[in-house]
Amino acid sequence: MMMEELLNYAESSNYQEIRGELSIVDNNHKDRLHHFYQKFGFEITETNNRNDCIYATICKRVRKSEKAGD
């Protein structure tokens, strides 16, 4: 599946997180989208900005950030 490939690529390329946005264009499929992204460990944060075409952001931590000197 493409999402698994994206997650594998992000981890092997040392990305710390993956971020994205959900559009109001897909509001009819909101429950399905939320289920899909949550299944892969994404956190979904709905926004209150009604002037924007984005209704939520998604974020998944791929790696813990490394602190200097640790």
N, C-alpha and C. Protein backbone atom coordinates (compact mmCIF):
# COMPACT_ATOMS: atom_id res chain seq x y z
N MET A 1 0.85 -1.18 0.00
CA MET A 1 0.00 0.00 0.00
C MET A 1 0.90 1.24 0.00
N MET A 2 0.43 2.28 -0.63
CA MET A 2 1.24 3.50 -0.77
C MET A 2 1.54 4.17 0.57
N MET A 3 0.59 4.15 1.49
CA MET A 3 0.84 4.79 2.79
C MET A 3 1.98 4.08 3.52
N GLU A 4 2.02 2.76 3.46
CA GLU A 4 3.12 2.03 4.09
C GLU A 4 4.45 2.40 3.45
N GLU A 5 4.46 2.55 2.14
CA GLU A 5 5.69 2.96 1.44
C GLU A 5 6.11 4.36 1.86
N LEU A 6 5.16 5.27 1.99
CA LEU A 6 5.47 6.63 2.45
C LEU A 6 6.08 6.59 3.84
N LEU A 7 5.48 5.83 4.75
CA LEU A 7 5.99 5.75 6.12
C LEU A 7 7.38 5.12 6.16
N ASN A 8 7.59 4.06 5.36
CA ASN A 8 8.92 3.44 5.29
C ASN A 8 9.95 4.41 4.74
N TYR A 9 9.59 5.14 3.70
CA TYR A 9 10.50 6.12 3.11
C TYR A 9 10.85 7.21 4.11
N ALA A 10 9.85 7.71 4.80
CA ALA A 10 10.08 8.78 5.78
C ALA A 10 11.01 8.31 6.89
N GLU A 11 10.81 7.09 7.36
CA GLU A 11 11.67 6.57 8.43
C GLU A 11 13.09 6.34 7.92
N SER A 12 13.23 5.73 6.76
CA SER A 12 14.58 5.45 6.24
C SER A 12 15.32 6.73 5.83
N SER A 13 14.59 7.79 5.58
CA SER A 13 15.19 9.08 5.21
C SER A 13 15.34 10.01 6.40
N ASN A 14 15.09 9.48 7.60
CA ASN A 14 15.26 10.21 8.86
C ASN A 14 14.35 11.43 9.01
N TYR A 15 13.18 11.38 8.41
CA TYR A 15 12.19 12.42 8.67
C TYR A 15 11.71 12.28 10.11
N GLN A 16 11.42 13.40 10.76
CA GLN A 16 10.91 13.34 12.12
C GLN A 16 9.40 13.25 12.15
N GLU A 17 8.72 13.87 11.17
CA GLU A 17 7.26 13.80 11.14
C GLU A 17 6.73 14.02 9.74
N ILE A 18 5.48 13.61 9.56
CA ILE A 18 4.77 13.83 8.30
C ILE A 18 3.55 14.68 8.64
N ARG A 19 3.33 15.73 7.86
CA ARG A 19 2.19 16.62 8.08
C ARG A 19 1.38 16.76 6.80
N GLY A 20 0.09 17.05 6.96
CA GLY A 20 -0.76 17.26 5.81
C GLY A 20 -2.01 18.02 6.22
N GLU A 21 -2.89 18.23 5.27
CA GLU A 21 -4.13 18.96 5.52
C GLU A 21 -5.29 18.22 4.87
N LEU A 22 -6.46 18.33 5.49
CA LEU A 22 -7.68 17.73 4.94
C LEU A 22 -8.57 18.85 4.43
N SER A 23 -9.08 18.69 3.22
CA SER A 23 -9.86 19.72 2.54
C SER A 23 -11.36 19.53 2.75
N ILE A 24 -12.07 20.64 2.76
CA ILE A 24 -13.54 20.57 2.88
C ILE A 24 -14.17 19.93 1.65
N VAL A 25 -13.43 19.81 0.57
CA VAL A 25 -13.93 19.15 -0.63
C VAL A 25 -14.31 17.70 -0.31
N ASP A 26 -13.61 17.10 0.64
CA ASP A 26 -13.84 15.70 1.02
C ASP A 26 -14.72 15.55 2.25
N ASN A 27 -15.47 16.58 2.61
CA ASN A 27 -16.32 16.52 3.81
C ASN A 27 -17.32 15.37 3.79
N ASN A 28 -17.76 14.95 2.61
CA ASN A 28 -18.70 13.84 2.52
C ASN A 28 -18.07 12.51 2.94
N HIS A 29 -16.74 12.47 2.97
CA HIS A 29 -16.02 11.24 3.32
C HIS A 29 -15.20 11.44 4.59
N LYS A 30 -15.59 12.37 5.40
CA LYS A 30 -14.82 12.76 6.58
C LYS A 30 -14.56 11.56 7.50
N ASP A 31 -15.57 10.79 7.82
CA ASP A 31 -15.39 9.65 8.72
C ASP A 31 -14.42 8.62 8.14
N ARG A 32 -14.54 8.37 6.86
CA ARG A 32 -13.65 7.41 6.20
C ARG A 32 -12.20 7.90 6.21
N LEU A 33 -12.01 9.19 5.91
CA LEU A 33 -10.66 9.76 5.93
C LEU A 33 -10.05 9.70 7.33
N HIS A 34 -10.84 10.06 8.33
CA HIS A 34 -10.33 10.03 9.71
C HIS A 34 -9.92 8.62 10.10
N HIS A 35 -10.75 7.65 9.75
CA HIS A 35 -10.43 6.25 10.06
C HIS A 35 -9.13 5.83 9.37
N PHE A 36 -8.98 6.18 8.11
CA PHE A 36 -7.78 5.82 7.35
C PHE A 36 -6.52 6.39 7.99
N TYR A 37 -6.50 7.68 8.26
CA TYR A 37 -5.30 8.30 8.81
C TYR A 37 -5.03 7.85 10.24
N GLN A 38 -6.06 7.68 11.04
CA GLN A 38 -5.87 7.20 12.41
C GLN A 38 -5.34 5.77 12.43
N LYS A 39 -5.75 4.96 11.47
CA LYS A 39 -5.26 3.58 11.36
C LYS A 39 -3.74 3.56 11.21
N PHE A 40 -3.18 4.57 10.57
CA PHE A 40 -1.73 4.64 10.36
C PHE A 40 -1.04 5.50 11.42
N GLY A 41 -1.77 5.91 12.45
CA GLY A 41 -1.15 6.61 13.57
C GLY A 41 -1.10 8.13 13.46
N PHE A 42 -1.81 8.70 12.51
CA PHE A 42 -1.83 10.16 12.37
C PHE A 42 -2.76 10.77 13.42
N GLU A 43 -2.37 11.93 13.93
CA GLU A 43 -3.24 12.72 14.79
C GLU A 43 -3.96 13.73 13.92
N ILE A 44 -5.25 13.88 14.13
CA ILE A 44 -6.06 14.81 13.35
C ILE A 44 -6.51 15.95 14.25
N THR A 45 -6.22 17.17 13.81
CA THR A 45 -6.62 18.36 14.56
C THR A 45 -7.53 19.20 13.68
N GLU A 46 -8.79 19.30 14.07
CA GLU A 46 -9.73 20.11 13.29
C GLU A 46 -9.49 21.58 13.60
N THR A 47 -9.58 22.40 12.56
CA THR A 47 -9.37 23.84 12.70
C THR A 47 -10.71 24.55 12.80
N ASN A 48 -10.71 25.74 13.34
CA ASN A 48 -11.92 26.53 13.48
C ASN A 48 -12.02 27.65 12.45
N ASN A 49 -11.06 27.69 11.53
CA ASN A 49 -11.03 28.76 10.54
C ASN A 49 -12.00 28.43 9.40
N ARG A 50 -13.16 29.03 9.41
CA ARG A 50 -14.19 28.72 8.41
C ARG A 50 -13.95 29.45 7.08
N ASN A 51 -12.97 30.35 7.01
CA ASN A 51 -12.67 31.07 5.78
C ASN A 51 -11.70 30.29 4.89
N ASP A 52 -11.23 29.17 5.38
CA ASP A 52 -10.22 28.39 4.68
C ASP A 52 -10.87 27.14 4.08
N CYS A 53 -10.27 26.57 3.07
CA CYS A 53 -10.79 25.34 2.50
C CYS A 53 -10.25 24.11 3.22
N ILE A 54 -9.44 24.32 4.24
CA ILE A 54 -8.87 23.25 5.03
C ILE A 54 -9.65 23.13 6.34
N TYR A 55 -10.12 21.94 6.66
CA TYR A 55 -10.86 21.79 7.91
C TYR A 55 -10.07 21.08 9.00
N ALA A 56 -8.92 20.46 8.63
CA ALA A 56 -8.13 19.77 9.64
C ALA A 56 -6.69 19.61 9.16
N THR A 57 -5.79 19.41 10.12
CA THR A 57 -4.41 19.06 9.80
C THR A 57 -4.17 17.66 10.32
N ILE A 58 -3.23 16.95 9.67
CA ILE A 58 -2.84 15.63 10.13
C ILE A 58 -1.35 15.64 10.39
N CYS A 59 -0.94 14.85 11.38
CA CYS A 59 0.48 14.80 11.73
C CYS A 59 0.80 13.44 12.31
N LYS A 60 1.93 12.90 11.91
CA LYS A 60 2.42 11.63 12.47
C LYS A 60 3.89 11.78 12.77
N ARG A 61 4.27 11.49 13.99
CA ARG A 61 5.67 11.49 14.39
C ARG A 61 6.29 10.21 13.84
N VAL A 62 7.37 10.36 13.06
CA VAL A 62 8.05 9.20 12.48
C VAL A 62 9.20 8.78 13.38
N ARG A 63 9.95 9.74 13.85
CA ARG A 63 11.08 9.50 14.76
C ARG A 63 11.06 10.53 15.87
N LYS A 64 11.56 10.14 17.01
CA LYS A 64 11.74 11.10 18.09
C LYS A 64 12.88 12.03 17.71
N SER A 65 12.71 13.31 17.98
CA SER A 65 13.79 14.25 17.67
C SER A 65 14.96 13.96 18.59
N GLU A 66 16.14 14.00 18.02
CA GLU A 66 17.36 13.75 18.79
C GLU A 66 17.89 15.04 19.34
N LYS A 67 18.17 15.04 20.64
CA LYS A 67 18.71 16.23 21.29
C LYS A 67 20.23 16.23 21.15
N ALA A 68 20.79 17.40 20.95
CA ALA A 68 22.24 17.53 20.83
C ALA A 68 22.89 17.12 22.13
N GLY A 69 23.95 16.30 22.02
CA GLY A 69 24.69 15.89 23.21
C GLY A 69 24.16 14.62 23.85
N ASP A 70 23.07 14.05 23.33
CA ASP A 70 22.53 12.79 23.90
C ASP A 70 23.11 11.58 23.22
